[in-house]
C-alpha atoms as a PDB file:
ATOM      1  CA  MET A   1     -86.909  30.272 -89.271  1.00  0.00           C
ATOM      2  CA  ALA A   2     -86.047  29.307 -86.417  1.00  0.00           C
ATOM      3  CA  SER A   3     -84.685  25.571 -85.563  1.00  0.00           C
ATOM      4  CA  THR A   4     -86.787  23.548 -83.659  1.00  0.00           C
ATOM      5  CA  ARG A   5     -84.217  20.607 -82.842  1.00  0.00           C
ATOM      6  CA  ARG A   6     -83.384  20.181 -79.244  1.00  0.00           C
ATOM      7  CA  PRO A   7     -79.856  20.162 -77.945  1.00  0.00           C
ATOM      8  CA  SER A   8     -78.364  16.641 -77.160  1.00  0.00           C
ATOM      9  CA  TYR A   9     -76.063  16.120 -74.214  1.00  0.00           C
ATOM     10  CA  ARG A  10     -73.300  13.695 -73.999  1.00  0.00           C
ATOM     11  CA  THR A  11     -73.188  11.151 -70.954  1.00  0.00           C
ATOM     12  CA  GLY A  12     -69.641   9.910 -69.588  1.00  0.00           C
ATOM     13  CA  GLY A  13     -70.061   7.047 -72.380  1.00  0.00           C
ATOM     14  CA  PRO A  14     -67.872   6.909 -75.348  1.00  0.00           C
ATOM     15  CA  ALA A  15     -68.578   9.743 -78.021  1.00  0.00           C
ATOM     16  CA  SER A  16     -70.038   7.352 -80.677  1.00  0.00           C
ATOM     17  CA  LYS A  17     -72.883   6.301 -78.044  1.00  0.00           C
ATOM     18  CA  GLY A  18     -75.710   9.155 -77.871  1.00  0.00           C
ATOM     19  CA  LYS A  19     -77.857   7.015 -75.426  1.00  0.00           C
ATOM     20  CA  ALA A  20     -78.023   5.124 -72.355  1.00  0.00           C
ATOM     21  CA  ALA A  21     -77.586   1.294 -72.578  1.00  0.00           C
ATOM     22  CA  PRO A  22     -81.023  -0.217 -73.505  1.00  0.00           C
ATOM     23  CA  GLY A  23     -82.504  -1.467 -70.568  1.00  0.00           C
ATOM     24  CA  SER A  24     -79.843   0.300 -67.838  1.00  0.00           C
ATOM     25  CA  GLY A  25     -83.023   2.407 -66.714  1.00  0.00           C
ATOM     26  CA  ARG A  26     -80.912   4.708 -65.236  1.00  0.00           C
ATOM     27  CA  PRO A  27     -80.928   8.424 -67.068  1.00  0.00           C
ATOM     28  CA  ASP A  28     -78.031  10.376 -68.810  1.00  0.00           C
ATOM     29  CA  VAL A  29     -76.299  11.877 -65.747  1.00  0.00           C
ATOM     30  CA  ILE A  30     -74.297  14.890 -66.097  1.00  0.00           C
ATOM     31  CA  SER A  31     -71.500  15.151 -63.778  1.00  0.00           C
ATOM     32  CA  ALA A  32     -68.753  17.700 -63.372  1.00  0.00           C
ATOM     33  CA  SER A  33     -65.806  18.054 -60.832  1.00  0.00           C
ATOM     34  CA  LYS A  34     -63.246  20.085 -60.211  1.00  0.00           C
ATOM     35  CA  ALA A  35     -59.405  18.755 -59.499  1.00  0.00           C
ATOM     36  CA  ALA A  36     -58.239  19.888 -55.700  1.00  0.00           C
ATOM     37  CA  PRO A  37     -55.099  21.759 -55.863  1.00  0.00           C
ATOM     38  CA  ALA A  38     -52.096  20.201 -55.274  1.00  0.00           C
ATOM     39  CA  ALA A  39     -51.274  22.064 -51.571  1.00  0.00           C
ATOM     40  CA  GLU A  40     -54.629  20.669 -50.736  1.00  0.00           C
ATOM     41  CA  ALA A  41     -54.240  17.346 -51.335  1.00  0.00           C
ATOM     42  CA  ALA A  42     -50.709  17.294 -49.553  1.00  0.00           C
ATOM     43  CA  ALA A  43     -50.459  16.746 -45.769  1.00  0.00           C
ATOM     44  CA  PRO A  44     -51.183  20.047 -43.610  1.00  0.00           C
ATOM     45  CA  ALA A  45     -48.143  22.120 -43.425  1.00  0.00           C
ATOM     46  CA  ALA A  46     -46.214  22.806 -39.944  1.00  0.00           C
ATOM     47  CA  PRO A  47     -47.581  26.259 -38.762  1.00  0.00           C
ATOM     48  CA  ASP A  48     -45.247  29.141 -39.101  1.00  0.00           C
ATOM     49  CA  ASN A  49     -45.636  30.990 -35.858  1.00  0.00           C
ATOM     50  CA  VAL A  50     -43.481  28.118 -33.707  1.00  0.00           C
ATOM     51  CA  LEU A  51     -40.891  29.639 -31.525  1.00  0.00           C
ATOM     52  CA  SER A  52     -37.528  27.637 -31.079  1.00  0.00           C
ATOM     53  CA  PHE A  53     -35.579  28.598 -27.947  1.00  0.00           C
ATOM     54  CA  PRO A  54     -31.728  27.728 -27.677  1.00  0.00           C
ATOM     55  CA  GLU A  55     -30.614  25.421 -25.421  1.00  0.00           C
ATOM     56  CA  PRO A  56     -29.647  27.056 -21.951  1.00  0.00           C
ATOM     57  CA  LYS A  57     -25.701  28.260 -21.550  1.00  0.00           C
ATOM     58  CA  GLY A  58     -25.888  26.457 -18.158  1.00  0.00           C
ATOM     59  CA  LYS A  59     -26.990  23.309 -19.062  1.00  0.00           C
ATOM     60  CA  ARG A  60     -24.676  23.370 -22.583  1.00  0.00           C
ATOM     61  CA  LEU A  61     -21.598  23.979 -19.885  1.00  0.00           C
ATOM     62  CA  ARG A  62     -22.359  21.196 -17.880  1.00  0.00           C
ATOM     63  CA  ARG A  63     -22.328  18.809 -20.427  1.00  0.00           C
ATOM     64  CA  ASN A  64     -19.275  19.596 -21.835  1.00  0.00           C
ATOM     65  CA  ILE A  65     -17.608  19.533 -18.156  1.00  0.00           C
ATOM     66  CA  ILE A  66     -18.987  16.040 -17.913  1.00  0.00           C
ATOM     67  CA  VAL A  67     -17.344  15.046 -21.749  1.00  0.00           C
ATOM     68  CA  ALA A  68     -14.417  16.710 -20.384  1.00  0.00           C
ATOM     69  CA  ALA A  69     -14.353  14.765 -17.425  1.00  0.00           C
ATOM     70  CA  CYS A  70     -14.810  11.643 -18.668  1.00  0.00           C
ATOM     71  CA  ILE A  71     -11.966  11.997 -21.465  1.00  0.00           C
ATOM     72  CA  VAL A  72      -9.600  12.792 -18.693  1.00  0.00           C
ATOM     73  CA  THR A  73     -10.580  10.155 -16.948  1.00  0.00           C
ATOM     74  CA  ALA A  74     -10.252   7.672 -19.879  1.00  0.00           C
ATOM     75  CA  LEU A  75      -6.599   9.441 -20.258  1.00  0.00           C
ATOM     76  CA  VAL A  76      -5.721   8.811 -16.740  1.00  0.00           C
ATOM     77  CA  ALA A  77      -6.595   5.458 -16.839  1.00  0.00           C
ATOM     78  CA  GLY A  78      -4.831   4.405 -19.846  1.00  0.00           C
ATOM     79  CA  LEU A  79      -1.443   5.906 -18.382  1.00  0.00           C
ATOM     80  CA  LEU A  80      -2.169   4.308 -15.070  1.00  0.00           C
ATOM     81  CA  ALA A  81      -2.325   0.839 -17.028  1.00  0.00           C
ATOM     82  CA  ALA A  82       0.402   1.590 -19.097  1.00  0.00           C
ATOM     83  CA  ALA A  83       2.945   2.508 -16.041  1.00  0.00           C
ATOM     84  CA  VAL A  84       1.676  -0.615 -14.156  1.00  0.00           C
ATOM     85  CA  TYR A  85       2.141  -3.002 -17.163  1.00  0.00           C
ATOM     86  CA  SER A  86       4.922  -1.294 -18.848  1.00  0.00           C
ATOM     87  CA  PRO A  87       8.546  -2.820 -19.201  1.00  0.00           C
ATOM     88  CA  VAL A  88       9.699   0.686 -19.153  1.00  0.00           C
ATOM     89  CA  PHE A  89       9.270   0.622 -15.425  1.00  0.00           C
ATOM     90  CA  ALA A  90      10.249  -2.588 -14.658  1.00  0.00           C
ATOM     91  CA  VAL A  91      12.778  -3.146 -11.935  1.00  0.00           C
ATOM     92  CA  GLN A  92      16.737  -3.226 -13.030  1.00  0.00           C
ATOM     93  CA  ALA A  93      18.464  -1.968  -9.930  1.00  0.00           C
ATOM     94  CA  VAL A  94      17.848  -2.720  -6.281  1.00  0.00           C
ATOM     95  CA  SER A  95      19.348  -0.013  -3.776  1.00  0.00           C
ATOM     96  CA  VAL A  96      19.465  -1.289  -0.092  1.00  0.00           C
ATOM     97  CA  ASP A  97      20.322   0.836   3.256  1.00  0.00           C
ATOM     98  CA  GLY A  98      20.031   0.366   7.135  1.00  0.00           C
ATOM     99  CA  THR A  99      22.046  -2.947   7.134  1.00  0.00           C
ATOM    100  CA  ARG A 100      24.443  -3.795   9.668  1.00  0.00           C
ATOM    101  CA  MET A 101      24.889  -7.541  10.168  1.00  0.00           C
ATOM    102  CA  LEU A 102      23.708  -8.008   7.034  1.00  0.00           C
ATOM    103  CA  THR A 103      25.640  -6.910   3.556  1.00  0.00           C
ATOM    104  CA  PRO A 104      23.573  -4.879   0.924  1.00  0.00           C
ATOM    105  CA  GLU A 105      24.257  -7.911  -1.763  1.00  0.00           C
ATOM    106  CA  GLN A 106      22.661 -10.554   0.442  1.00  0.00           C
ATOM    107  CA  VAL A 107      19.667  -8.100   0.272  1.00  0.00           C
ATOM    108  CA  GLN A 108      19.769  -7.747  -3.223  1.00  0.00           C
ATOM    109  CA  ASP A 109      20.273 -11.699  -3.787  1.00  0.00           C
ATOM    110  CA  ALA A 110      17.043 -12.531  -2.011  1.00  0.00           C
ATOM    111  CA  LEU A 111      15.221  -9.900  -3.943  1.00  0.00           C
ATOM    112  CA  GLU A 112      16.613 -11.236  -7.455  1.00  0.00           C
ATOM    113  CA  PRO A 113      12.821 -12.795  -8.343  1.00  0.00           C
ATOM    114  CA  LEU A 114      11.639  -8.895  -8.503  1.00  0.00           C
ATOM    115  CA  GLN A 115      14.389  -8.039 -11.313  1.00  0.00           C
ATOM    116  CA  GLY A 116      12.100  -7.162 -14.528  1.00  0.00           C
ATOM    117  CA  LYS A 117       8.879  -6.536 -12.529  1.00  0.00           C
ATOM    118  CA  PRO A 118       7.087  -3.314 -12.959  1.00  0.00           C
ATOM    119  CA  LEU A 119       7.814  -1.165  -9.819  1.00  0.00           C
ATOM    120  CA  PRO A 120       4.205  -0.354  -9.442  1.00  0.00           C
ATOM    121  CA  GLN A 121       3.342  -4.048  -9.002  1.00  0.00           C
ATOM    122  CA  VAL A 122       5.902  -4.393  -6.094  1.00  0.00           C
ATOM    123  CA  HIS A 123       4.571  -4.253  -2.378  1.00  0.00           C
ATOM    124  CA  ASP A 124       6.044  -4.496   0.817  1.00  0.00           C
ATOM    125  CA  ASP A 125       4.563  -7.928   1.723  1.00  0.00           C
ATOM    126  CA  GLU A 126       6.318  -9.789  -1.430  1.00  0.00           C
ATOM    127  CA  VAL A 127       9.470  -8.013  -0.423  1.00  0.00           C
ATOM    128  CA  ARG A 128       9.097  -9.045   3.195  1.00  0.00           C
ATOM    129  CA  GLN A 129       8.286 -12.860   1.932  1.00  0.00           C
ATOM    130  CA  LEU A 130      11.739 -12.921   0.073  1.00  0.00           C
ATOM    131  CA  LEU A 131      13.556 -11.405   2.447  1.00  0.00           C
ATOM    132  CA  GLN A 132      12.030 -14.101   5.284  1.00  0.00           C
ATOM    133  CA  PRO A 133      15.094 -16.303   5.336  1.00  0.00           C
ATOM    134  CA  LEU A 134      17.224 -13.445   6.361  1.00  0.00           C
ATOM    135  CA  VAL A 135      16.145 -13.582  10.525  1.00  0.00           C
ATOM    136  CA  GLN A 136      18.592 -10.805  10.666  1.00  0.00           C
ATOM    137  CA  VAL A 137      15.665  -8.313   9.221  1.00  0.00           C
ATOM    138  CA  LYS A 138      12.720  -7.320  11.484  1.00  0.00           C
ATOM    139  CA  GLU A 139      11.320  -4.701   9.392  1.00  0.00           C
ATOM    140  CA  VAL A 140      11.181  -3.755   5.944  1.00  0.00           C
ATOM    141  CA  THR A 141       9.711  -0.900   3.573  1.00  0.00           C
ATOM    142  CA  THR A 142      10.417  -0.023  -0.011  1.00  0.00           C
ATOM    143  CA  GLU A 143      10.452   2.979  -2.185  1.00  0.00           C
ATOM    144  CA  ALA A 144       9.941   3.305  -6.048  1.00  0.00           C
ATOM    145  CA  ARG A 145      12.330   5.695  -7.709  1.00  0.00           C
ATOM    146  CA  PRO A 146      11.427   5.539 -11.346  1.00  0.00           C
ATOM    147  CA  PRO A 147      12.094   4.414 -14.027  1.00  0.00           C
ATOM    148  CA  SER A 148      13.729   1.264 -12.540  1.00  0.00           C
ATOM    149  CA  VAL A 149      14.950   1.371  -9.163  1.00  0.00           C
ATOM    150  CA  LEU A 150      13.411  -0.188  -6.059  1.00  0.00           C
ATOM    151  CA  VAL A 151      14.902   1.232  -2.928  1.00  0.00           C
ATOM    152  CA  VAL A 152      14.535  -1.166   0.468  1.00  0.00           C
ATOM    153  CA  HIS A 153      14.841   0.441   3.766  1.00  0.00           C
ATOM    154  CA  ILE A 154      15.828  -2.659   6.219  1.00  0.00           C
ATOM    155  CA  ARG A 155      15.482  -2.477   9.917  1.00  0.00           C
ATOM    156  CA  GLU A 156      17.305  -5.137  11.327  1.00  0.00           C
ATOM    157  CA  ARG A 157      17.192  -6.717  15.026  1.00  0.00           C
ATOM    158  CA  THR A 158      19.166  -5.719  17.636  1.00  0.00           C
ATOM    159  CA  PRO A 159      21.467  -8.319  19.237  1.00  0.00           C
ATOM    160  CA  VAL A 160      21.458  -8.099  23.430  1.00  0.00           C
ATOM    161  CA  ALA A 161      23.102 -11.216  24.173  1.00  0.00           C
ATOM    162  CA  LEU A 162      25.380 -14.245  23.449  1.00  0.00           C
ATOM    163  CA  VAL A 163      24.113 -17.535  24.610  1.00  0.00           C
ATOM    164  CA  LYS A 164      26.463 -20.311  25.163  1.00  0.00           C
ATOM    165  CA  GLN A 165      26.073 -23.709  23.624  1.00  0.00           C
ATOM    166  CA  GLY A 166      29.000 -25.916  24.054  1.00  0.00           C
ATOM    167  CA  GLU A 167      32.146 -24.033  22.289  1.00  0.00           C
ATOM    168  CA  VAL A 168      29.953 -21.980  20.106  1.00  0.00           C
ATOM    169  CA  PHE A 169      28.162 -18.584  21.491  1.00  0.00           C
ATOM    170  CA  GLN A 170      24.640 -17.542  19.826  1.00  0.00           C
ATOM    171  CA  LEU A 171      24.102 -14.047  19.329  1.00  0.00           C
ATOM    172  CA  VAL A 172      20.265 -13.253  19.996  1.00  0.00           C
ATOM    173  CA  ASP A 173      17.748 -10.532  20.081  1.00  0.00           C
ATOM    174  CA  VAL A 174      14.969  -9.913  22.605  1.00  0.00           C
ATOM    175  CA  ASP A 175      12.850 -12.205  21.455  1.00  0.00           C
ATOM    176  CA  GLY A 176      15.332 -15.129  21.454  1.00  0.00           C
ATOM    177  CA  VAL A 177      15.916 -15.136  17.759  1.00  0.00           C
ATOM    178  CA  GLN A 178      19.180 -16.363  16.499  1.00  0.00           C
ATOM    179  CA  LEU A 179      21.121 -13.917  14.452  1.00  0.00           C
ATOM    180  CA  GLY A 180      24.371 -15.570  14.172  1.00  0.00           C
ATOM    181  CA  THR A 181      27.157 -17.439  15.859  1.00  0.00           C
ATOM    182  CA  THR A 182      30.779 -16.702  17.045  1.00  0.00           C
ATOM    183  CA  GLN A 183      33.496 -18.946  18.636  1.00  0.00           C
ATOM    184  CA  ASP A 184      35.303 -15.431  20.422  1.00  0.00           C
ATOM    185  CA  PRO A 185      32.635 -14.024  22.515  1.00  0.00           C
ATOM    186  CA  ALA A 186      35.572 -11.102  23.196  1.00  0.00           C
ATOM    187  CA  SER A 187      35.137  -9.799  19.916  1.00  0.00           C
ATOM    188  CA  ILE A 188      31.573  -8.959  20.454  1.00  0.00           C
ATOM    189  CA  GLN A 189      30.826  -6.679  23.402  1.00  0.00           C
ATOM    190  CA  LEU A 190      27.521  -8.296  24.782  1.00  0.00           C
ATOM    191  CA  PRO A 191      26.875 -10.159  27.941  1.00  0.00           C
ATOM    192  CA  VAL A 192      26.676 -13.942  28.327  1.00  0.00           C
ATOM    193  CA  ILE A 193      23.872 -15.585  28.977  1.00  0.00           C
ATOM    194  CA  ASP A 194      24.518 -19.178  30.627  1.00  0.00           C
ATOM    195  CA  GLY A 195      22.351 -21.710  30.003  1.00  0.00           C
ATOM    196  CA  GLY A 196      22.887 -23.307  26.894  1.00  0.00           C
ATOM    197  CA  ALA A 197      20.268 -23.002  23.814  1.00  0.00           C
ATOM    198  CA  GLY A 198      17.694 -24.482  25.740  1.00  0.00           C
ATOM    199  CA  VAL A 199      17.183 -21.570  27.658  1.00  0.00           C
ATOM    200  CA  ILE A 200      16.140 -19.472  25.006  1.00  0.00           C
ATOM    201  CA  GLY A 201      12.298 -18.224  25.034  1.00  0.00           C
ATOM    202  CA  LYS A 202      11.952 -19.323  29.165  1.00  0.00           C
ATOM    203  CA  ASP A 203      10.509 -16.844  31.406  1.00  0.00           C
ATOM    204  CA  LEU A 204      14.191 -16.016  32.947  1.00  0.00           C
ATOM    205  CA  PHE A 205      15.832 -15.414  29.465  1.00  0.00           C
ATOM    206  CA  LYS A 206      12.955 -13.011  28.609  1.00  0.00           C
ATOM    207  CA  ALA A 207      13.302 -11.276  32.015  1.00  0.00           C
ATOM    208  CA  ILE A 208      17.247 -10.764  31.105  1.00  0.00           C
ATOM    209  CA  THR A 209      16.503  -9.691  27.438  1.00  0.00           C
ATOM    210  CA  ALA A 210      13.773  -7.632  28.250  1.00  0.00           C
ATOM    211  CA  VAL A 211      16.171  -5.892  30.764  1.00  0.00           C
ATOM    212  CA  LEU A 212      19.156  -6.111  28.415  1.00  0.00           C
ATOM    213  CA  ALA A 213      17.197  -4.205  25.507  1.00  0.00           C
ATOM    214  CA  ALA A 214      16.099  -1.217  27.672  1.00  0.00           C
ATOM    215  CA  LEU A 215      20.302  -0.256  28.256  1.00  0.00           C
ATOM    216  CA  PRO A 216      21.929   2.161  26.111  1.00  0.00           C
ATOM    217  CA  ALA A 217      24.235   0.927  24.001  1.00  0.00           C
ATOM    218  CA  ASP A 218      27.506   2.059  25.799  1.00  0.00           C
ATOM    219  CA  VAL A 219      25.950   0.521  28.873  1.00  0.00           C
ATOM    220  CA  LEU A 220      25.651  -2.758  27.189  1.00  0.00           C
ATOM    221  CA  ALA A 221      28.790  -3.073  25.820  1.00  0.00           C
ATOM    222  CA  LYS A 222      30.382  -2.790  29.427  1.00  0.00           C
ATOM    223  CA  LEU A 223      28.649  -5.837  30.564  1.00  0.00           C
ATOM    224  CA  SER A 224      30.357  -9.231  30.962  1.00  0.00           C
ATOM    225  CA  ASP A 225      27.219 -11.301  31.477  1.00  0.00           C
ATOM    226  CA  ALA A 226      23.453 -11.336  32.523  1.00  0.00           C
ATOM    227  CA  SER A 227      21.510 -14.166  34.871  1.00  0.00           C
ATOM    228  CA  ALA A 228      18.392 -14.168  36.933  1.00  0.00           C
ATOM    229  CA  LYS A 229      17.597 -16.470  40.010  1.00  0.00           C
ATOM    230  CA  SER A 230      13.810 -15.469  39.187  1.00  0.00           C
ATOM    231  CA  ALA A 231      11.943 -13.132  37.140  1.00  0.00           C
ATOM    232  CA  ASP A 232      11.951 -10.648  39.746  1.00  0.00           C
ATOM    233  CA  ALA A 233      15.759 -10.933  40.502  1.00  0.00           C
ATOM    234  CA  VAL A 234      17.848 -10.201  37.293  1.00  0.00           C
ATOM    235  CA  GLU A 235      21.368  -9.404  37.773  1.00  0.00           C
ATOM    236  CA  LEU A 236      24.111  -8.105  35.625  1.00  0.00           C
ATOM    237  CA  LYS A 237      27.831  -8.044  35.853  1.00  0.00           C
ATOM    238  CA  LEU A 238      29.883  -5.640  34.278  1.00  0.00           C
ATOM    239  CA  VAL A 239      33.562  -6.274  32.618  1.00  0.00           C
ATOM    240  CA  ASP A 240      35.297  -4.651  35.855  1.00  0.00           C
ATOM    241  CA  GLY A 241      33.708  -6.820  38.269  1.00  0.00           C
ATOM    242  CA  GLN A 242      30.983  -4.738  39.575  1.00  0.00           C
ATOM    243  CA  THR A 243      27.203  -6.160  40.281  1.00  0.00           C
ATOM    244  CA  ILE A 244      24.183  -4.236  39.042  1.00  0.00           C
ATOM    245  CA  VAL A 245      21.035  -5.033  41.093  1.00  0.00           C
ATOM    246  CA  TRP A 246      18.310  -4.705  38.798  1.00  0.00           C
ATOM    247  CA  GLY A 247      15.503  -6.690  40.178  1.00  0.00           C
ATOM    248  CA  ASN A 248      12.245  -7.147  38.542  1.00  0.00           C
ATOM    249  CA  ALA A 249      11.868  -6.022  34.793  1.00  0.00           C
ATOM    250  CA  GLY A 250       9.207  -2.703  36.110  1.00  0.00           C
ATOM    251  CA  GLU A 251      10.062   0.579  35.185  1.00  0.00           C
ATOM    252  CA  ARG A 252      13.147  -0.724  32.816  1.00  0.00           C
ATOM    253  CA  GLU A 253      13.675   2.698  30.732  1.00  0.00           C
ATOM    254  CA  LEU A 254      13.757   4.613  34.293  1.00  0.00           C
ATOM    255  CA  LYS A 255      16.078   2.042  36.060  1.00  0.00           C
ATOM    256  CA  ALA A 256      18.090   1.994  32.538  1.00  0.00           C
ATOM    257  CA  LYS A 257      18.594   5.714  32.710  1.00  0.00           C
ATOM    258  CA  VAL A 258      19.556   6.060  36.533  1.00  0.00           C
ATOM    259  CA  LEU A 259      22.357   3.318  36.038  1.00  0.00           C
ATOM    260  CA  GLU A 260      23.747   5.209  33.087  1.00  0.00           C
ATOM    261  CA  ALA A 261      24.337   8.176  35.441  1.00  0.00           C
ATOM    262  CA  LEU A 262      25.811   6.099  38.452  1.00  0.00           C
ATOM    263  CA  LEU A 263      28.206   4.634  35.505  1.00  0.00           C
ATOM    264  CA  LYS A 264      29.159   8.169  34.679  1.00  0.00           C
ATOM    265  CA  ALA A 265      29.737   9.545  38.257  1.00  0.00           C
ATOM    266  CA  PRO A 266      33.347  10.071  39.160  1.00  0.00           C
ATOM    267  CA  ALA A 267      34.926   6.829  40.984  1.00  0.00           C
ATOM    268  CA  ASP A 268      36.558   7.459  44.325  1.00  0.00           C
ATOM    269  CA  PRO A 269      39.627   5.381  45.100  1.00  0.00           C
ATOM    270  CA  LYS A 270      38.952   5.154  48.428  1.00  0.00           C
ATOM    271  CA  TYR A 271      35.472   3.715  48.175  1.00  0.00           C
ATOM    272  CA  PRO A 272      35.569   1.736  44.880  1.00  0.00           C
ATOM    273  CA  VAL A 273      31.837   0.807  44.075  1.00  0.00           C
ATOM    274  CA  GLN A 274      31.178  -2.893  43.881  1.00  0.00           C
ATOM    275  CA  VAL A 275      27.463  -3.005  43.926  1.00  0.00           C
ATOM    276  CA  TYR A 276      25.196  -0.675  41.890  1.00  0.00           C
ATOM    277  CA  ASP A 277      21.421  -1.365  42.585  1.00  0.00           C
ATOM    278  CA  VAL A 278      18.491   0.043  41.257  1.00  0.00           C
ATOM    279  CA  SER A 279      15.873  -2.312  41.963  1.00  0.00           C
ATOM    280  CA  VAL A 280      14.458   0.788  43.511  1.00  0.00           C
ATOM    281  CA  PRO A 281      15.585   3.675  40.702  1.00  0.00           C
ATOM    282  CA  ARG A 282      14.179   6.213  42.871  1.00  0.00           C
ATOM    283  CA  HIS A 283      16.287   5.634  45.711  1.00  0.00           C
ATOM    284  CA  PRO A 284      19.381   3.595  44.201  1.00  0.00           C
ATOM    285  CA  VAL A 285      22.153   2.680  46.160  1.00  0.00           C
ATOM    286  CA  THR A 286      25.771   2.191  45.617  1.00  0.00           C
ATOM    287  CA  ARG A 287      28.067  -0.273  47.932  1.00  0.00           C
END
């Protein structure tokens, strides 16, 4: 005989209770759910159809060149800094050339403050300042010879005359700079400018020294004295007694060449020359 008993269904409540709570008004609800797969719950994966391209060769090469250049620059800067400040390149010896009136020892003594200073830090202006008390120095240049030698090239002023001042004779250059003194003018083969130290720097003095500076050394050594009544009337005397009429300071180089040629010309004993007039150098006169 078939059973007349109806099947009963459990709700989501505890197993011991088969009915809904009294007064809830909610019918028994049957629910079913299916857990989402773990892959679906996770974030969406990147598509597998994305292509990656390698970096262009030219761009990579440029980057490598820039990096290499930066490294080389840093190394060079480091080496330069080491050379500038390293005691390995410090001045330990000073070599001097070009001196005639001065001695190399005088120049070396004046440059004593440079001892121990790195060679790259030594400049011509600093050397000139240290040599300023040595009035004989007109120009100076330096040369560094690593690791520790400083070479100093001296160009001295050229003396052109002696200026008589009492019993002493001042040795002066074309600018009137006093380069030394002597009490024996015969020991120095230069002409004498009379008038005392007060004549130095005056217009007549400048006119005379400008003429003397234009003469070759061998002609200058033959002069005994020089004078000028005005800037346009410069006269020179030779040690043999002849007079040189120079005139003004114009065309000095041409006059010097003409005078040198006249002095080298063979002398005629019958007609000895007493005056060489080069005031008009293109038409010189001897008498």
